[in-house]
Each structure stands twice: as structure tokens, then as C-alpha cells.
C-alpha atoms as a PDB file:
ATOM      1  CA  MET A   1       0.000   0.000   0.000  1.00  0.00           C
ATOM      2  CA  SER A   2       2.913   2.221  -0.604  1.00  0.00           C
ATOM      3  CA  THR A   3       2.782   4.303  -3.747  1.00  0.00           C
ATOM      4  CA  ALA A   4       3.977   1.267  -5.720  1.00  0.00           C
ATOM      5  CA  VAL A   5       1.308  -1.105  -4.421  1.00  0.00           C
ATOM      6  CA  LYS A   6      -2.318  -0.027  -4.504  1.00  0.00           C
ATOM      7  CA  LEU A   7      -4.913  -2.493  -3.292  1.00  0.00           C
ATOM      8  CA  ARG A   8      -8.390  -2.389  -4.707  1.00  0.00           C
ATOM      9  CA  ASN A   9     -11.012  -0.981  -2.283  1.00  0.00           C
ATOM     10  CA  ILE A  10      -8.345   0.132   0.198  1.00  0.00           C
ATOM     11  CA  GLY A  11      -8.008   3.836   0.890  1.00  0.00           C
ATOM     12  CA  PRO A  12      -5.067   5.618   2.530  1.00  0.00           C
ATOM     13  CA  LYS A  13      -6.304   5.263   6.116  1.00  0.00           C
ATOM     14  CA  SER A  14      -7.034   1.548   5.752  1.00  0.00           C
ATOM     15  CA  ALA A  15      -3.712   1.060   3.974  1.00  0.00           C
ATOM     16  CA  ALA A  16      -1.925   2.705   6.902  1.00  0.00           C
ATOM     17  CA  TRP A  17      -3.743   0.412   9.342  1.00  0.00           C
ATOM     18  CA  LEU A  18      -2.699  -2.614   7.309  1.00  0.00           C
ATOM     19  CA  ARG A  19       0.928  -1.465   7.166  1.00  0.00           C
ATOM     20  CA  GLN A  20       0.956  -0.934  10.919  1.00  0.00           C
ATOM     21  CA  THR A  21      -0.275  -4.478  11.429  1.00  0.00           C
ATOM     22  CA  GLY A  22       2.308  -6.024   9.091  1.00  0.00           C
ATOM     23  CA  VAL A  23       0.325  -6.388   5.869  1.00  0.00           C
ATOM     24  CA  ARG A  24       2.005  -4.470   3.046  1.00  0.00           C
ATOM     25  CA  THR A  25       1.231  -6.294  -0.203  1.00  0.00           C
ATOM     26  CA  LEU A  26      -1.622  -8.110  -1.872  1.00  0.00           C
ATOM     27  CA  ASP A  27       0.272 -11.389  -1.487  1.00  0.00           C
ATOM     28  CA  GLU A  28       0.607 -10.772   2.256  1.00  0.00           C
ATOM     29  CA  LEU A  29      -3.110  -9.953   2.453  1.00  0.00           C
ATOM     30  CA  LYS A  30      -3.971 -13.153   0.596  1.00  0.00           C
ATOM     31  CA  GLU A  31      -1.696 -15.133   2.912  1.00  0.00           C
ATOM     32  CA  VAL A  32      -3.225 -13.607   6.059  1.00  0.00           C
ATOM     33  CA  GLY A  33      -6.792 -13.518   4.794  1.00  0.00           C
ATOM     34  CA  ALA A  34      -9.401 -10.783   5.051  1.00  0.00           C
ATOM     35  CA  LEU A  35     -10.723 -11.890   8.432  1.00  0.00           C
ATOM     36  CA  SER A  36      -7.298 -12.144  10.079  1.00  0.00           C
ATOM     37  CA  ALA A  37      -6.234  -8.786   8.671  1.00  0.00           C
ATOM     38  CA  TYR A  38      -9.439  -7.215  10.017  1.00  0.00           C
ATOM     39  CA  VAL A  39      -8.886  -8.773  13.451  1.00  0.00           C
ATOM     40  CA  ARG A  40      -5.270  -7.557  13.494  1.00  0.00           C
ATOM     41  CA  ILE A  41      -6.524  -4.029  12.847  1.00  0.00           C
ATOM     42  CA  LYS A  42      -9.069  -4.318  15.681  1.00  0.00           C
ATOM     43  CA  ARG A  43      -6.434  -5.778  18.011  1.00  0.00           C
ATOM     44  CA  ALA A  44      -4.152  -2.831  17.233  1.00  0.00           C
ATOM     45  CA  GLY A  45      -6.793  -0.533  18.681  1.00  0.00           C
ATOM     46  CA  PHE A  46      -8.200   0.919  15.482  1.00  0.00           C
ATOM     47  CA  LYS A  47     -11.948   1.054  14.914  1.00  0.00           C
ATOM     48  CA  PRO A  48     -12.636  -0.336  11.442  1.00  0.00           C
ATOM     49  CA  SER A  49     -16.170  -0.745  10.162  1.00  0.00           C
ATOM     50  CA  LEU A  50     -17.456  -3.924   8.601  1.00  0.00           C
ATOM     51  CA  ASN A  51     -17.043  -2.228   5.235  1.00  0.00           C
ATOM     52  CA  LEU A  52     -13.286  -2.654   5.686  1.00  0.00           C
ATOM     53  CA  LEU A  53     -13.796  -6.371   6.138  1.00  0.00           C
ATOM     54  CA  TYR A  54     -15.734  -6.477   2.866  1.00  0.00           C
ATOM     55  CA  ALA A  55     -13.096  -4.278   1.194  1.00  0.00           C
ATOM     56  CA  LEU A  56     -10.330  -6.656   2.258  1.00  0.00           C
ATOM     57  CA  GLU A  57     -12.283  -9.611   0.905  1.00  0.00           C
ATOM     58  CA  GLY A  58     -12.891  -7.701  -2.326  1.00  0.00           C
ATOM     59  CA  ALA A  59      -9.183  -6.871  -2.633  1.00  0.00           C
ATOM     60  CA  ILE A  60      -8.336 -10.558  -2.344  1.00  0.00           C
ATOM     61  CA  LEU A  61     -11.024 -11.544  -4.878  1.00  0.00           C
ATOM     62  CA  ASP A  62     -10.210  -8.541  -7.131  1.00  0.00           C
ATOM     63  CA  CYS A  63     -13.765  -7.208  -7.084  1.00  0.00           C
ATOM     64  CA  HIS A  64     -15.569  -4.182  -5.684  1.00  0.00           C
ATOM     65  CA  TRP A  65     -16.474  -4.670  -2.023  1.00  0.00           C
ATOM     66  CA  GLN A  66     -20.192  -4.198  -2.795  1.00  0.00           C
ATOM     67  CA  GLU A  67     -20.027  -7.224  -5.116  1.00  0.00           C
ATOM     68  CA  ILE A  68     -19.331  -9.567  -2.194  1.00  0.00           C
ATOM     69  CA  PRO A  69     -22.445 -11.804  -2.031  1.00  0.00           C
ATOM     70  CA  GLY A  70     -24.754 -11.350   0.955  1.00  0.00           C
ATOM     71  CA  GLU A  71     -24.187 -14.921   2.095  1.00  0.00           C
ATOM     72  CA  ARG A  72     -20.413 -14.381   2.188  1.00  0.00           C
ATOM     73  CA  ARG A  73     -20.876 -11.079   4.016  1.00  0.00           C
ATOM     74  CA  SER A  74     -22.955 -12.867   6.647  1.00  0.00           C
ATOM     75  CA  GLU A  75     -20.246 -15.509   7.044  1.00  0.00           C
ATOM     76  CA  LEU A  76     -17.614 -12.796   7.451  1.00  0.00           C
ATOM     77  CA  ILE A  77     -19.701 -10.936  10.045  1.00  0.00           C
ATOM     78  CA  ILE A  78     -20.293 -14.044  12.142  1.00  0.00           C
ATOM     79  CA  ALA A  79     -16.613 -15.022  11.995  1.00  0.00           C
ATOM     80  CA  ALA A  80     -15.471 -11.458  12.765  1.00  0.00           C
ATOM     81  CA  GLU A  81     -17.781 -11.130  15.764  1.00  0.00           C
ATOM     82  CA  ALA A  82     -16.538 -14.445  17.147  1.00  0.00           C
ATOM     83  CA  ALA A  83     -12.875 -13.529  16.600  1.00  0.00           C
ATOM     84  CA  VAL A  84     -13.224 -10.022  18.039  1.00  0.00           C
ATOM     85  CA  ALA A  85     -15.005 -11.419  21.122  1.00  0.00           C
ATOM     86  CA  LEU A  86     -11.854 -13.435  21.874  1.00  0.00           C
ATOM     87  CA  LEU A  87      -9.594 -10.377  21.828  1.00  0.00           C
ATOM     88  CA  PRO A  88      -8.301  -9.234  25.211  1.00  0.00           C
ATOM     89  CA  GLN A  89      -9.983  -6.199  26.688  1.00  0.00           C
ATOM     90  CA  PRO A  90      -7.947  -2.986  26.679  1.00  0.00           C
ATOM     91  CA  LYS A  91      -5.794  -2.471  29.765  1.00  0.00           C
ATOM     92  CA  TYR A  92      -6.973   1.083  30.174  1.00  0.00           C
ATOM     93  CA  LYS A  93     -10.437   2.189  31.086  1.00  0.00           C
ATOM     94  CA  ARG A  94     -12.057   5.116  29.454  1.00  0.00           C
ATOM     95  CA  MET A  95     -13.150   8.007  31.544  1.00  0.00           C
ATOM     96  CA  PRO A  96     -16.862   7.923  32.263  1.00  0.00           C
ATOM     97  CA  THR A  97     -18.947  10.283  30.251  1.00  0.00           C
ATOM     98  CA  ALA A  98     -20.018  13.462  31.968  1.00  0.00           C
ATOM     99  CA  SER A  99     -23.394  13.534  33.619  1.00  0.00           C
ATOM    100  CA  PRO A 100     -25.999  16.048  32.487  1.00  0.00           C
ATOM    101  CA  VAL A 101     -25.456  19.629  33.578  1.00  0.00           C
ATOM    102  CA  THR A 102     -28.080  21.049  35.916  1.00  0.00           C
ATOM    103  CA  THR A 103     -28.783  24.663  36.739  1.00  0.00           C
ATOM    104  CA  THR A 104     -29.779  25.755  40.215  1.00  0.00           C
ATOM    105  CA  GLN A 105     -31.296  29.087  41.093  1.00  0.00           C
ATOM    106  CA  SER A 106     -31.458  30.822  44.411  1.00  0.00           C
ATOM    107  CA  GLU A 107     -34.733  31.715  46.081  1.00  0.00           C
ATOM    108  CA  ALA A 108     -34.106  35.429  45.501  1.00  0.00           C
ATOM    109  CA  ASP A 109     -36.220  37.319  43.016  1.00  0.00           C
ATOM    110  CA  GLU A 110     -35.583  35.290  39.876  1.00  0.00           C
ATOM    111  CA  THR A 111     -37.343  37.709  37.529  1.00  0.00           C
ATOM    112  CA  SER A 112     -34.963  40.629  37.925  1.00  0.00           C
ATOM    113  CA  MET A 113     -31.335  40.543  36.997  1.00  0.00           C
ATOM    114  CA  PRO A 114     -28.874  43.008  38.529  1.00  0.00           C
ATOM    115  CA  ASP A 115     -27.412  45.614  36.214  1.00  0.00           C
ATOM    116  CA  MET A 116     -23.928  44.608  35.312  1.00  0.00           C
ATOM    117  CA  ASP A 117     -21.143  47.037  34.517  1.00  0.00           C
ATOM    118  CA  LEU A 118     -19.172  45.334  31.784  1.00  0.00           C
ATOM    119  CA  GLY A 119     -16.721  48.196  31.463  1.00  0.00           C
ATOM    120  CA  PHE A 120     -18.108  49.564  28.227  1.00  0.00           C
ATOM    121  CA  ASP A 121     -19.069  53.207  28.012  1.00  0.00           C
ATOM    122  CA  ASP A 122     -22.515  53.935  26.652  1.00  0.00           C
ATOM    123  CA  PRO A 123     -22.038  56.523  23.871  1.00  0.00           C
ATOM    124  CA  ALA A 124     -25.714  57.590  24.097  1.00  0.00           C
ATOM    125  CA  ALA A 125     -25.379  58.347  27.813  1.00  0.00           C
ATOM    126  CA  GLU A 126     -22.254  60.433  27.220  1.00  0.00           C
ATOM    127  CA  SER A 127     -23.889  62.576  24.519  1.00  0.00           C
ATOM    128  CA  GLU A 128     -26.879  63.344  26.750  1.00  0.00           C
ATOM    129  CA  SER A 129     -24.687  64.874  29.486  1.00  0.00           C
END
């Protein structure tokens, strides 16, 4: 997936993921297989979609990824889900998402707001003086 080797269906981001997981040529992809290459990418911490799995299969078969038959796609999905389920969980834990923000108001008169001096001079007030 360098400039000399361009795999069908594989864009620059996916090509970089493949390189980082040790797959650099079509022959290497064929040797590893679409499913194993996809699992390597997941194991490396990237977040590929199932379209990448189809694209890898299409690259091996030399066809557009949308031409992969539905039955084969289903087989790939089932195998990918099973393989990904066996991957070790990440060692780090993500920070919990923030809880909703709430606004509290005091019991003072809520309808009136104090006048605030923001440091700007009012040109109309100056001309009236």
C-alpha cells in the first residue's frame, strides 16, 4: 500500500492500518486472509467498520467490495464477531462520560437581573450629558 502497491477498495487510512499491522502487499493480504487482517486491525486498537472487512475480501477476490455476495458477508460478520469477542480487553479504562449539567437558582427574586457594569461606556449616555 505504498505508492507502488495499490490495493483495490483500500483507501489511505485503511492502507496505513494494514501497514501498521504487518500487511504491506496483496500477497501478504492473501496469505493472512481478510478476516485475520481485520482482526489484526481491531487488536491494534483501530476502529474499522465492517465495510473494511468487505473491502479486504474484495481486494483478495479482485472485485468491488459491494459485489461480495450477501451470504459471504454474513459468514464474514459471524466469523469477525466471534474472533473479536476473543480479543483481550484494553488495559486502560475510558473516563466515564459526563453527567448532564443542571442549573440551580437561588430563592431570591428570579425575575430581575442586577445591572452589570461590563466596562463599556454607553455613547448615548455620554452625549446626553
